[in-house]
């Protein structure tokens, strides 16, 4: 199993023909979502500096133009009950770190309803 890292995730997705854009902060991520209208958003729960993934998710969900974009969380958090509650309310899934590139591709395929 190969563990996925930030750069590894980008490369794995690009090798599957998926266009990838990244943001350095939650605020930048929201702006990027507004300008790009992506097919999928992947958020880390902990996103320093500034607001974290759950707040980014809530803000995206509050905007009519963005509310239907699927979101997957990546997390190293051990409070699975809290993570599952967040996912149930706001997102379509999550992956616990460390995870493999294959796990991520499988999750993306499931959320988008197509094989990746």
PDB file of N, CA and C in Angstrom:
ATOM      1  N   UNK A   1       0.848  -1.172   0.000  1.00  0.00           N
ATOM      2  CA  UNK A   1       0.000   0.000   0.000  1.00  0.00           C
ATOM      3  C   UNK A   1       0.894   1.235   0.000  1.00  0.00           C
ATOM      4  N   UNK A   2       0.634   2.139  -0.916  1.00  0.00           N
ATOM      5  CA  UNK A   2       1.345   3.400  -0.973  1.00  0.00           C
ATOM      6  C   UNK A   2       0.515   4.456  -0.274  1.00  0.00           C
ATOM      7  N   UNK A   3       1.114   5.131   0.686  1.00  0.00           N
ATOM      8  CA  UNK A   3       0.402   6.192   1.376  1.00  0.00           C
ATOM      9  C   UNK A   3       0.345   7.420   0.486  1.00  0.00           C
ATOM     10  N   UNK A   4      -0.776   8.086   0.513  1.00  0.00           N
ATOM     11  CA  UNK A   4      -0.962   9.284  -0.296  1.00  0.00           C
ATOM     12  C   UNK A   4      -0.514  10.509   0.496  1.00  0.00           C
ATOM     13  N   UNK A   5       0.208  11.378  -0.165  1.00  0.00           N
ATOM     14  CA  UNK A   5       0.583  12.669   0.409  1.00  0.00           C
ATOM     15  C   UNK A   5      -0.032  13.736  -0.484  1.00  0.00           C
ATOM     16  N   UNK A   6       0.093  14.990  -0.089  1.00  0.00           N
ATOM     17  CA  UNK A   6      -0.472  16.071  -0.895  1.00  0.00           C
ATOM     18  C   UNK A   6      -0.038  16.001  -2.344  1.00  0.00           C
ATOM     19  N   UNK A   7       1.267  15.909  -2.565  1.00  0.00           N
ATOM     20  CA  UNK A   7       1.777  15.807  -3.926  1.00  0.00           C
ATOM     21  C   UNK A   7       1.398  14.496  -4.586  1.00  0.00           C
ATOM     22  N   UNK A   8       1.388  13.420  -3.799  1.00  0.00           N
ATOM     23  CA  UNK A   8       1.004  12.116  -4.318  1.00  0.00           C
ATOM     24  C   UNK A   8      -0.453  12.077  -4.745  1.00  0.00           C
ATOM     25  N   UNK A   9      -1.300  12.747  -3.992  1.00  0.00           N
ATOM     26  CA  UNK A   9      -2.719  12.816  -4.345  1.00  0.00           C
ATOM     27  C   UNK A   9      -2.878  13.534  -5.682  1.00  0.00           C
ATOM     28  N   UNK A  10      -2.227  14.661  -5.815  1.00  0.00           N
ATOM     29  CA  UNK A  10      -2.320  15.445  -7.054  1.00  0.00           C
ATOM     30  C   UNK A  10      -1.861  14.609  -8.243  1.00  0.00           C
ATOM     31  N   UNK A  11      -0.723  13.950  -8.115  1.00  0.00           N
ATOM     32  CA  UNK A  11      -0.180  13.146  -9.212  1.00  0.00           C
ATOM     33  C   UNK A  11      -1.114  11.986  -9.544  1.00  0.00           C
ATOM     34  N   UNK A  12      -1.609  11.286  -8.527  1.00  0.00           N
ATOM     35  CA  UNK A  12      -2.503  10.145  -8.758  1.00  0.00           C
ATOM     36  C   UNK A  12      -3.768  10.579  -9.497  1.00  0.00           C
ATOM     37  N   UNK A  13      -4.327  11.699  -9.092  1.00  0.00           N
ATOM     38  CA  UNK A  13      -5.540  12.185  -9.747  1.00  0.00           C
ATOM     39  C   UNK A  13      -5.254  12.630 -11.179  1.00  0.00           C
ATOM     40  N   UNK A  14      -4.152  13.323 -11.368  1.00  0.00           N
ATOM     41  CA  UNK A  14      -3.799  13.776 -12.715  1.00  0.00           C
ATOM     42  C   UNK A  14      -3.536  12.593 -13.641  1.00  0.00           C
ATOM     43  N   UNK A  15      -2.939  11.524 -13.123  1.00  0.00           N
ATOM     44  CA  UNK A  15      -2.702  10.337 -13.935  1.00  0.00           C
ATOM     45  C   UNK A  15      -4.009   9.676 -14.358  1.00  0.00           C
ATOM     46  N   UNK A  16      -5.066   9.938 -13.618  1.00  0.00           N
ATOM     47  CA  UNK A  16      -6.387   9.409 -13.974  1.00  0.00           C
ATOM     48  C   UNK A  16      -7.158  10.382 -14.859  1.00  0.00           C
ATOM     49  N   UNK A  17      -6.489  11.457 -15.281  1.00  0.00           N
ATOM     50  CA  UNK A  17      -7.128  12.428 -16.169  1.00  0.00           C
ATOM     51  C   UNK A  17      -7.999  13.440 -15.457  1.00  0.00           C
ATOM     52  N   UNK A  18      -7.808  13.576 -14.163  1.00  0.00           N
ATOM     53  CA  UNK A  18      -8.604  14.502 -13.375  1.00  0.00           C
ATOM     54  C   UNK A  18      -7.837  15.811 -13.215  1.00  0.00           C
ATOM     55  N   UNK A  19      -8.498  16.912 -13.545  1.00  0.00           N
ATOM     56  CA  UNK A  19      -7.890  18.228 -13.362  1.00  0.00           C
ATOM     57  C   UNK A  19      -7.899  18.563 -11.879  1.00  0.00           C
ATOM     58  N   UNK A  20      -6.776  19.002 -11.357  1.00  0.00           N
ATOM     59  CA  UNK A  20      -6.627  19.256  -9.929  1.00  0.00           C
ATOM     60  C   UNK A  20      -6.201  20.704  -9.698  1.00  0.00           C
ATOM     61  N   UNK A  21      -6.876  21.364  -8.782  1.00  0.00           N
ATOM     62  CA  UNK A  21      -6.490  22.695  -8.321  1.00  0.00           C
ATOM     63  C   UNK A  21      -6.393  22.635  -6.812  1.00  0.00           C
ATOM     64  N   UNK A  22      -5.504  23.410  -6.248  1.00  0.00           N
ATOM     65  CA  UNK A  22      -5.324  23.398  -4.803  1.00  0.00           C
ATOM     66  C   UNK A  22      -5.351  24.793  -4.224  1.00  0.00           C
ATOM     67  N   UNK A  23      -5.694  24.867  -2.956  1.00  0.00           N
ATOM     68  CA  UNK A  23      -5.751  26.142  -2.254  1.00  0.00           C
ATOM     69  C   UNK A  23      -4.865  26.061  -1.014  1.00  0.00           C
ATOM     70  N   UNK A  24      -4.259  27.185  -0.658  1.00  0.00           N
ATOM     71  CA  UNK A  24      -3.363  27.244   0.488  1.00  0.00           C
ATOM     72  C   UNK A  24      -4.102  27.503   1.800  1.00  0.00           C
ATOM     73  N   UNK A  25      -5.383  27.883   1.718  1.00  0.00           N
ATOM     74  CA  UNK A  25      -6.165  28.164   2.925  1.00  0.00           C
ATOM     75  C   UNK A  25      -7.636  27.878   2.645  1.00  0.00           C
ATOM     76  N   UNK A  26      -8.407  27.832   3.711  1.00  0.00           N
ATOM     77  CA  UNK A  26      -9.842  27.626   3.551  1.00  0.00           C
ATOM     78  C   UNK A  26     -10.505  28.743   2.766  1.00  0.00           C
ATOM     79  N   UNK A  27     -10.136  29.979   3.074  1.00  0.00           N
ATOM     80  CA  UNK A  27     -10.715  31.125   2.376  1.00  0.00           C
ATOM     81  C   UNK A  27     -10.407  31.056   0.883  1.00  0.00           C
ATOM     82  N   UNK A  28      -9.154  30.712   0.559  1.00  0.00           N
ATOM     83  CA  UNK A  28      -8.766  30.585  -0.840  1.00  0.00           C
ATOM     84  C   UNK A  28      -9.538  29.447  -1.510  1.00  0.00           C
ATOM     85  N   UNK A  29      -9.767  28.373  -0.776  1.00  0.00           N
ATOM     86  CA  UNK A  29     -10.529  27.249  -1.301  1.00  0.00           C
ATOM     87  C   UNK A  29     -11.960  27.630  -1.655  1.00  0.00           C
ATOM     88  N   UNK A  30     -12.585  28.435  -0.815  1.00  0.00           N
ATOM     89  CA  UNK A  30     -13.949  28.892  -1.096  1.00  0.00           C
ATOM     90  C   UNK A  30     -13.964  29.743  -2.363  1.00  0.00           C
ATOM     91  N   UNK A  31     -13.012  30.656  -2.477  1.00  0.00           N
ATOM     92  CA  UNK A  31     -12.930  31.491  -3.675  1.00  0.00           C
ATOM     93  C   UNK A  31     -12.684  30.647  -4.925  1.00  0.00           C
ATOM     94  N   UNK A  32     -11.826  29.652  -4.805  1.00  0.00           N
ATOM     95  CA  UNK A  32     -11.540  28.756  -5.927  1.00  0.00           C
ATOM     96  C   UNK A  32     -12.803  27.986  -6.330  1.00  0.00           C
ATOM     97  N   UNK A  33     -13.557  27.515  -5.353  1.00  0.00           N
ATOM     98  CA  UNK A  33     -14.814  26.814  -5.650  1.00  0.00           C
ATOM     99  C   UNK A  33     -15.789  27.734  -6.374  1.00  0.00           C
ATOM    100  N   UNK A  34     -15.868  28.981  -5.947  1.00  0.00           N
ATOM    101  CA  UNK A  34     -16.761  29.944  -6.602  1.00  0.00           C
ATOM    102  C   UNK A  34     -16.363  30.172  -8.055  1.00  0.00           C
ATOM    103  N   UNK A  35     -15.078  30.277  -8.301  1.00  0.00           N
ATOM    104  CA  UNK A  35     -14.623  30.596  -9.659  1.00  0.00           C
ATOM    105  C   UNK A  35     -14.588  29.381 -10.579  1.00  0.00           C
ATOM    106  N   UNK A  36     -14.366  28.185 -10.035  1.00  0.00           N
ATOM    107  CA  UNK A  36     -14.192  26.996 -10.878  1.00  0.00           C
ATOM    108  C   UNK A  36     -15.424  26.094 -10.962  1.00  0.00           C
ATOM    109  N   UNK A  37     -16.266  26.092  -9.932  1.00  0.00           N
ATOM    110  CA  UNK A  37     -17.398  25.158  -9.867  1.00  0.00           C
ATOM    111  C   UNK A  37     -16.940  23.725 -10.146  1.00  0.00           C
ATOM    112  N   UNK A  38     -16.085  23.178  -9.275  1.00  0.00           N
ATOM    113  CA  UNK A  38     -15.512  21.851  -9.524  1.00  0.00           C
ATOM    114  C   UNK A  38     -16.549  20.730  -9.402  1.00  0.00           C
ATOM    115  N   UNK A  39     -16.188  19.564  -9.928  1.00  0.00           N
ATOM    116  CA  UNK A  39     -17.044  18.382  -9.817  1.00  0.00           C
ATOM    117  C   UNK A  39     -16.996  17.789  -8.418  1.00  0.00           C
ATOM    118  N   UNK A  40     -15.905  18.074  -7.693  1.00  0.00           N
ATOM    119  CA  UNK A  40     -15.682  17.492  -6.377  1.00  0.00           C
ATOM    120  C   UNK A  40     -14.709  18.374  -5.604  1.00  0.00           C
ATOM    121  N   UNK A  41     -14.922  18.452  -4.295  1.00  0.00           N
ATOM    122  CA  UNK A  41     -13.999  19.178  -3.411  1.00  0.00           C
ATOM    123  C   UNK A  41     -13.478  18.193  -2.374  1.00  0.00           C
ATOM    124  N   UNK A  42     -12.155  18.195  -2.183  1.00  0.00           N
ATOM    125  CA  UNK A  42     -11.529  17.389  -1.143  1.00  0.00           C
ATOM    126  C   UNK A  42     -10.956  18.359  -0.114  1.00  0.00           C
ATOM    127  N   UNK A  43     -11.395  18.218   1.134  1.00  0.00           N
ATOM    128  CA  UNK A  43     -10.969  19.115   2.209  1.00  0.00           C
ATOM    129  C   UNK A  43     -10.274  18.342   3.311  1.00  0.00           C
ATOM    130  N   UNK A  44      -9.202  18.912   3.823  1.00  0.00           N
ATOM    131  CA  UNK A  44      -8.606  18.383   5.039  1.00  0.00           C
ATOM    132  C   UNK A  44      -9.360  19.004   6.210  1.00  0.00           C
ATOM    133  N   UNK A  45      -9.619  18.231   7.238  1.00  0.00           N
ATOM    134  CA  UNK A  45     -10.313  18.763   8.405  1.00  0.00           C
ATOM    135  C   UNK A  45      -9.501  19.891   9.024  1.00  0.00           C
ATOM    136  N   UNK A  46      -8.202  19.688   9.149  1.00  0.00           N
ATOM    137  CA  UNK A  46      -7.312  20.714   9.703  1.00  0.00           C
ATOM    138  C   UNK A  46      -6.648  21.439   8.544  1.00  0.00           C
ATOM    139  N   UNK A  47      -6.961  22.731   8.371  1.00  0.00           N
ATOM    140  CA  UNK A  47      -6.450  23.498   7.239  1.00  0.00           C
ATOM    141  C   UNK A  47      -5.827  24.813   7.705  1.00  0.00           C
ATOM    142  N   UNK A  48      -4.663  24.752   8.337  1.00  0.00           N
ATOM    143  CA  UNK A  48      -4.051  26.019   8.742  1.00  0.00           C
ATOM    144  C   UNK A  48      -3.527  26.752   7.526  1.00  0.00           C
ATOM    145  N   UNK A  49      -3.452  28.017   7.481  1.00  0.00           N
ATOM    146  CA  UNK A  49      -3.964  28.966   8.482  1.00  0.00           C
ATOM    147  C   UNK A  49      -5.446  29.264   8.237  1.00  0.00           C
ATOM    148  N   UNK A  50      -6.086  29.838   9.217  1.00  0.00           N
ATOM    149  CA  UNK A  50      -7.475  30.264   9.049  1.00  0.00           C
ATOM    150  C   UNK A  50      -8.484  29.188   9.381  1.00  0.00           C
ATOM    151  N   UNK A  51      -9.587  29.220   8.656  1.00  0.00           N
ATOM    152  CA  UNK A  51     -10.705  28.323   8.947  1.00  0.00           C
ATOM    153  C   UNK A  51     -10.402  26.895   8.515  1.00  0.00           C
ATOM    154  N   UNK A  52     -10.977  25.941   9.236  1.00  0.00           N
ATOM    155  CA  UNK A  52     -10.757  24.532   8.940  1.00  0.00           C
ATOM    156  C   UNK A  52     -11.768  23.975   7.954  1.00  0.00           C
ATOM    157  N   UNK A  53     -11.560  22.723   7.597  1.00  0.00           N
ATOM    158  CA  UNK A  53     -12.390  22.068   6.608  1.00  0.00           C
ATOM    159  C   UNK A  53     -13.883  22.072   6.906  1.00  0.00           C
ATOM    160  N   UNK A  54     -14.316  21.748   8.142  1.00  0.00           N
ATOM    161  CA  UNK A  54     -15.755  21.761   8.413  1.00  0.00           C
ATOM    162  C   UNK A  54     -16.398  23.131   8.192  1.00  0.00           C
ATOM    163  N   UNK A  55     -15.707  24.195   8.564  1.00  0.00           N
ATOM    164  CA  UNK A  55     -16.261  25.540   8.337  1.00  0.00           C
ATOM    165  C   UNK A  55     -16.269  25.874   6.851  1.00  0.00           C
ATOM    166  N   UNK A  56     -15.230  25.481   6.127  1.00  0.00           N
ATOM    167  CA  UNK A  56     -15.216  25.681   4.672  1.00  0.00           C
ATOM    168  C   UNK A  56     -16.416  24.959   4.066  1.00  0.00           C
ATOM    169  N   UNK A  57     -16.639  23.747   4.496  1.00  0.00           N
ATOM    170  CA  UNK A  57     -17.765  22.950   4.004  1.00  0.00           C
ATOM    171  C   UNK A  57     -19.093  23.653   4.286  1.00  0.00           C
ATOM    172  N   UNK A  58     -19.289  24.146   5.499  1.00  0.00           N
ATOM    173  CA  UNK A  58     -20.537  24.839   5.846  1.00  0.00           C
ATOM    174  C   UNK A  58     -20.739  26.071   4.979  1.00  0.00           C
ATOM    175  N   UNK A  59     -19.671  26.817   4.741  1.00  0.00           N
ATOM    176  CA  UNK A  59     -19.786  28.027   3.910  1.00  0.00           C
ATOM    177  C   UNK A  59     -20.113  27.666   2.466  1.00  0.00           C
ATOM    178  N   UNK A  60     -19.508  26.615   1.970  1.00  0.00           N
ATOM    179  CA  UNK A  60     -19.813  26.171   0.605  1.00  0.00           C
ATOM    180  C   UNK A  60     -21.276  25.736   0.527  1.00  0.00           C
ATOM    181  N   UNK A  61     -21.735  24.992   1.517  1.00  0.00           N
ATOM    182  CA  UNK A  61     -23.119  24.516   1.529  1.00  0.00           C
ATOM    183  C   UNK A  61     -24.121  25.667   1.641  1.00  0.00           C
ATOM    184  N   UNK A  62     -23.685  26.805   2.180  1.00  0.00           N
ATOM    185  CA  UNK A  62     -24.595  27.937   2.348  1.00  0.00           C
ATOM    186  C   UNK A  62     -24.783  28.746   1.063  1.00  0.00           C
ATOM    187  N   UNK A  63     -23.991  28.449   0.049  1.00  0.00           N
ATOM    188  CA  UNK A  63     -24.100  29.178  -1.210  1.00  0.00           C
ATOM    189  C   UNK A  63     -24.840  28.334  -2.243  1.00  0.00           C
ATOM    190  N   UNK A  64     -25.940  28.846  -2.733  1.00  0.00           N
ATOM    191  CA  UNK A  64     -26.794  28.103  -3.653  1.00  0.00           C
ATOM    192  C   UNK A  64     -26.027  27.564  -4.859  1.00  0.00           C
ATOM    193  N   UNK A  65     -25.108  28.343  -5.392  1.00  0.00           N
ATOM    194  CA  UNK A  65     -24.359  27.921  -6.580  1.00  0.00           C
ATOM    195  C   UNK A  65     -23.379  26.790  -6.291  1.00  0.00           C
ATOM    196  N   UNK A  66     -23.036  26.580  -5.024  1.00  0.00           N
ATOM    197  CA  UNK A  66     -22.034  25.583  -4.653  1.00  0.00           C
ATOM    198  C   UNK A  66     -22.602  24.424  -3.843  1.00  0.00           C
ATOM    199  N   UNK A  67     -23.816  24.535  -3.366  1.00  0.00           N
ATOM    200  CA  UNK A  67     -24.341  23.599  -2.373  1.00  0.00           C
ATOM    201  C   UNK A  67     -24.397  22.141  -2.823  1.00  0.00           C
ATOM    202  N   UNK A  68     -24.435  21.879  -4.118  1.00  0.00           N
ATOM    203  CA  UNK A  68     -24.553  20.502  -4.596  1.00  0.00           C
ATOM    204  C   UNK A  68     -23.218  19.854  -4.947  1.00  0.00           C
ATOM    205  N   UNK A  69     -22.111  20.567  -4.786  1.00  0.00           N
ATOM    206  CA  UNK A  69     -20.800  19.996  -5.105  1.00  0.00           C
ATOM    207  C   UNK A  69     -20.448  18.967  -4.026  1.00  0.00           C
ATOM    208  N   UNK A  70     -20.151  17.721  -4.419  1.00  0.00           N
ATOM    209  CA  UNK A  70     -19.774  16.720  -3.425  1.00  0.00           C
ATOM    210  C   UNK A  70     -18.463  17.092  -2.723  1.00  0.00           C
ATOM    211  N   UNK A  71     -18.394  16.755  -1.447  1.00  0.00           N
ATOM    212  CA  UNK A  71     -17.210  17.046  -0.632  1.00  0.00           C
ATOM    213  C   UNK A  71     -16.763  15.779   0.084  1.00  0.00           C
ATOM    214  N   UNK A  72     -15.463  15.533   0.036  1.00  0.00           N
ATOM    215  CA  UNK A  72     -14.842  14.443   0.780  1.00  0.00           C
ATOM    216  C   UNK A  72     -13.846  15.062   1.755  1.00  0.00           C
ATOM    217  N   UNK A  73     -13.896  14.619   3.008  1.00  0.00           N
ATOM    218  CA  UNK A  73     -12.939  15.075   4.010  1.00  0.00           C
ATOM    219  C   UNK A  73     -11.784  14.082   4.141  1.00  0.00           C
ATOM    220  N   UNK A  74     -10.613  14.622   4.375  1.00  0.00           N
ATOM    221  CA  UNK A  74      -9.439  13.840   4.763  1.00  0.00           C
ATOM    222  C   UNK A  74      -9.146  14.220   6.206  1.00  0.00           C
ATOM    223  N   UNK A  75      -8.866  13.230   7.046  1.00  0.00           N
ATOM    224  CA  UNK A  75      -8.649  13.570   8.453  1.00  0.00           C
ATOM    225  C   UNK A  75      -7.745  12.574   9.158  1.00  0.00           C
ATOM    226  N   UNK A  76      -7.029  13.077  10.127  1.00  0.00           N
ATOM    227  CA  UNK A  76      -6.264  12.236  11.035  1.00  0.00           C
ATOM    228  C   UNK A  76      -6.946  12.222  12.401  1.00  0.00           C
ATOM    229  N   UNK A  77      -8.092  12.894  12.493  1.00  0.00           N
ATOM    230  CA  UNK A  77      -8.817  12.972  13.762  1.00  0.00           C
ATOM    231  C   UNK A  77      -9.238  11.594  14.223  1.00  0.00           C
ATOM    232  N   UNK A  78      -9.190  11.412  15.515  1.00  0.00           N
ATOM    233  CA  UNK A  78      -9.578  10.123  16.071  1.00  0.00           C
ATOM    234  C   UNK A  78     -11.004  10.136  16.619  1.00  0.00           C
ATOM    235  N   UNK A  79     -11.641  11.288  16.662  1.00  0.00           N
ATOM    236  CA  UNK A  79     -13.027  11.384  17.125  1.00  0.00           C
ATOM    237  C   UNK A  79     -13.952  11.045  15.955  1.00  0.00           C
ATOM    238  N   UNK A  80     -14.120   9.746  15.721  1.00  0.00           N
ATOM    239  CA  UNK A  80     -14.901   9.299  14.566  1.00  0.00           C
ATOM    240  C   UNK A  80     -16.370   9.676  14.678  1.00  0.00           C
ATOM    241  N   UNK A  81     -16.906   9.731  15.887  1.00  0.00           N
ATOM    242  CA  UNK A  81     -18.306  10.113  16.038  1.00  0.00           C
ATOM    243  C   UNK A  81     -18.533  11.531  15.523  1.00  0.00           C
ATOM    244  N   UNK A  82     -17.650  12.455  15.901  1.00  0.00           N
ATOM    245  CA  UNK A  82     -17.771  13.836  15.441  1.00  0.00           C
ATOM    246  C   UNK A  82     -17.573  13.915  13.928  1.00  0.00           C
ATOM    247  N   UNK A  83     -16.622  13.147  13.402  1.00  0.00           N
ATOM    248  CA  UNK A  83     -16.366  13.163  11.968  1.00  0.00           C
ATOM    249  C   UNK A  83     -17.570  12.619  11.211  1.00  0.00           C
ATOM    250  N   UNK A  84     -18.136  11.522  11.686  1.00  0.00           N
ATOM    251  CA  UNK A  84     -19.294  10.948  11.013  1.00  0.00           C
ATOM    252  C   UNK A  84     -20.488  11.887  11.058  1.00  0.00           C
ATOM    253  N   UNK A  85     -20.645  12.614  12.159  1.00  0.00           N
ATOM    254  CA  UNK A  85     -21.731  13.594  12.260  1.00  0.00           C
ATOM    255  C   UNK A  85     -21.535  14.705  11.238  1.00  0.00           C
ATOM    256  N   UNK A  86     -20.323  15.205  11.113  1.00  0.00           N
ATOM    257  CA  UNK A  86     -20.023  16.241  10.124  1.00  0.00           C
ATOM    258  C   UNK A  86     -20.308  15.729   8.724  1.00  0.00           C
ATOM    259  N   UNK A  87     -19.881  14.524   8.439  1.00  0.00           N
ATOM    260  CA  UNK A  87     -20.091  13.952   7.111  1.00  0.00           C
ATOM    261  C   UNK A  87     -21.582  13.794   6.837  1.00  0.00           C
ATOM    262  N   UNK A  88     -22.326  13.273   7.804  1.00  0.00           N
ATOM    263  CA  UNK A  88     -23.759  13.080   7.606  1.00  0.00           C
ATOM    264  C   UNK A  88     -24.461  14.391   7.291  1.00  0.00           C
ATOM    265  N   UNK A  89     -24.032  15.468   7.921  1.00  0.00           N
ATOM    266  CA  UNK A  89     -24.684  16.754   7.740  1.00  0.00           C
ATOM    267  C   UNK A  89     -24.199  17.504   6.513  1.00  0.00           C
ATOM    268  N   UNK A  90     -22.924  17.374   6.177  1.00  0.00           N
ATOM    269  CA  UNK A  90     -22.347  18.288   5.207  1.00  0.00           C
ATOM    270  C   UNK A  90     -21.635  17.662   4.013  1.00  0.00           C
ATOM    271  N   UNK A  91     -21.100  16.458   4.155  1.00  0.00           N
ATOM    272  CA  UNK A  91     -20.217  15.914   3.122  1.00  0.00           C
ATOM    273  C   UNK A  91     -20.688  14.542   2.662  1.00  0.00           C
ATOM    274  N   UNK A  92     -20.013  14.025   1.655  1.00  0.00           N
ATOM    275  CA  UNK A  92     -20.377  12.732   1.091  1.00  0.00           C
ATOM    276  C   UNK A  92     -19.466  11.608   1.550  1.00  0.00           C
ATOM    277  N   UNK A  93     -18.448  11.928   2.327  1.00  0.00           N
ATOM    278  CA  UNK A  93     -17.579  10.879   2.822  1.00  0.00           C
ATOM    279  C   UNK A  93     -16.314  11.433   3.430  1.00  0.00           C
ATOM    280  N   UNK A  94     -15.512  10.519   3.978  1.00  0.00           N
ATOM    281  CA  UNK A  94     -14.225  10.913   4.541  1.00  0.00           C
ATOM    282  C   UNK A  94     -13.270   9.744   4.458  1.00  0.00           C
ATOM    283  N   UNK A  95     -11.988  10.062   4.508  1.00  0.00           N
ATOM    284  CA  UNK A  95     -10.924   9.062   4.584  1.00  0.00           C
ATOM    285  C   UNK A  95     -10.048   9.398   5.773  1.00  0.00           C
ATOM    286  N   UNK A  96      -9.688   8.364   6.538  1.00  0.00           N
ATOM    287  CA  UNK A  96      -8.774   8.538   7.661  1.00  0.00           C
ATOM    288  C   UNK A  96      -7.341   8.424   7.178  1.00  0.00           C
ATOM    289  N   UNK A  97      -6.509   9.347   7.648  1.00  0.00           N
ATOM    290  CA  UNK A  97      -5.079   9.287   7.334  1.00  0.00           C
ATOM    291  C   UNK A  97      -4.414   8.271   8.235  1.00  0.00           C
ATOM    292  N   UNK A  98      -3.451   7.540   7.778  1.00  0.00           N
ATOM    293  CA  UNK A  98      -2.965   7.518   6.390  1.00  0.00           C
ATOM    294  C   UNK A  98      -3.879   6.643   5.532  1.00  0.00           C
ATOM    295  N   UNK A  99      -3.979   6.975   4.269  1.00  0.00           N
ATOM    296  CA  UNK A  99      -4.764   6.196   3.324  1.00  0.00           C
ATOM    297  C   UNK A  99      -3.945   6.039   2.053  1.00  0.00           C
ATOM    298  N   UNK A 100      -4.334   5.089   1.241  1.00  0.00           N
ATOM    299  CA  UNK A 100      -3.603   4.853  -0.003  1.00  0.00           C
ATOM    300  C   UNK A 100      -4.224   5.666  -1.131  1.00  0.00           C
ATOM    301  N   UNK A 101      -3.461   5.847  -2.187  1.00  0.00           N
ATOM    302  CA  UNK A 101      -3.988   6.525  -3.368  1.00  0.00           C
ATOM    303  C   UNK A 101      -5.183   5.749  -3.913  1.00  0.00           C
ATOM    304  N   UNK A 102      -5.100   4.419  -3.854  1.00  0.00           N
ATOM    305  CA  UNK A 102      -6.208   3.587  -4.311  1.00  0.00           C
ATOM    306  C   UNK A 102      -7.475   3.823  -3.502  1.00  0.00           C
ATOM    307  N   UNK A 103      -7.323   3.973  -2.171  1.00  0.00           N
ATOM    308  CA  UNK A 103      -8.477   4.260  -1.317  1.00  0.00           C
ATOM    309  C   UNK A 103      -9.139   5.576  -1.734  1.00  0.00           C
ATOM    310  N   UNK A 104      -8.307   6.582  -2.005  1.00  0.00           N
ATOM    311  CA  UNK A 104      -8.834   7.888  -2.410  1.00  0.00           C
ATOM    312  C   UNK A 104      -9.548   7.781  -3.754  1.00  0.00           C
ATOM    313  N   UNK A 105      -8.942   7.111  -4.703  1.00  0.00           N
ATOM    314  CA  UNK A 105      -9.562   6.968  -6.021  1.00  0.00           C
ATOM    315  C   UNK A 105     -10.885   6.205  -5.914  1.00  0.00           C
ATOM    316  N   UNK A 106     -10.919   5.170  -5.070  1.00  0.00           N
ATOM    317  CA  UNK A 106     -12.165   4.425  -4.863  1.00  0.00           C
ATOM    318  C   UNK A 106     -13.249   5.323  -4.272  1.00  0.00           C
ATOM    319  N   UNK A 107     -12.884   6.123  -3.275  1.00  0.00           N
ATOM    320  CA  UNK A 107     -13.854   7.013  -2.628  1.00  0.00           C
ATOM    321  C   UNK A 107     -14.376   8.047  -3.623  1.00  0.00           C
ATOM    322  N   UNK A 108     -13.480   8.625  -4.413  1.00  0.00           N
ATOM    323  CA  UNK A 108     -13.886   9.602  -5.425  1.00  0.00           C
ATOM    324  C   UNK A 108     -14.845   8.958  -6.415  1.00  0.00           C
ATOM    325  N   UNK A 109     -14.499   7.752  -6.893  1.00  0.00           N
ATOM    326  CA  UNK A 109     -15.373   7.058  -7.835  1.00  0.00           C
ATOM    327  C   UNK A 109     -16.749   6.797  -7.253  1.00  0.00           C
ATOM    328  N   UNK A 110     -16.802   6.404  -5.991  1.00  0.00           N
ATOM    329  CA  UNK A 110     -18.084   6.146  -5.329  1.00  0.00           C
ATOM    330  C   UNK A 110     -18.902   7.419  -5.234  1.00  0.00           C
ATOM    331  N   UNK A 111     -18.277   8.509  -4.810  1.00  0.00           N
ATOM    332  CA  UNK A 111     -18.986   9.775  -4.635  1.00  0.00           C
ATOM    333  C   UNK A 111     -19.471  10.323  -5.981  1.00  0.00           C
ATOM    334  N   UNK A 112     -18.649  10.195  -7.011  1.00  0.00           N
ATOM    335  CA  UNK A 112     -19.031  10.723  -8.326  1.00  0.00           C
ATOM    336  C   UNK A 112     -19.883   9.741  -9.134  1.00  0.00           C
ATOM    337  N   UNK A 113     -19.974   8.500  -8.653  1.00  0.00           N
ATOM    338  CA  UNK A 113     -20.793   7.511  -9.340  1.00  0.00           C
ATOM    339  C   UNK A 113     -20.184   7.008 -10.635  1.00  0.00           C
ATOM    340  N   UNK A 114     -18.851   6.964 -10.668  1.00  0.00           N
ATOM    341  CA  UNK A 114     -18.167   6.423 -11.851  1.00  0.00           C
ATOM    342  C   UNK A 114     -16.844   5.827 -11.436  1.00  0.00           C
ATOM    343  N   UNK A 115     -16.341   4.916 -12.268  1.00  0.00           N
ATOM    344  CA  UNK A 115     -15.068   4.282 -11.970  1.00  0.00           C
ATOM    345  C   UNK A 115     -13.932   5.236 -12.284  1.00  0.00           C
ATOM    346  N   UNK A 116     -13.002   5.337 -11.350  1.00  0.00           N
ATOM    347  CA  UNK A 116     -11.826   6.201 -11.527  1.00  0.00           C
ATOM    348  C   UNK A 116     -10.607   5.317 -11.658  1.00  0.00           C
TER     349      UNK A 116
END
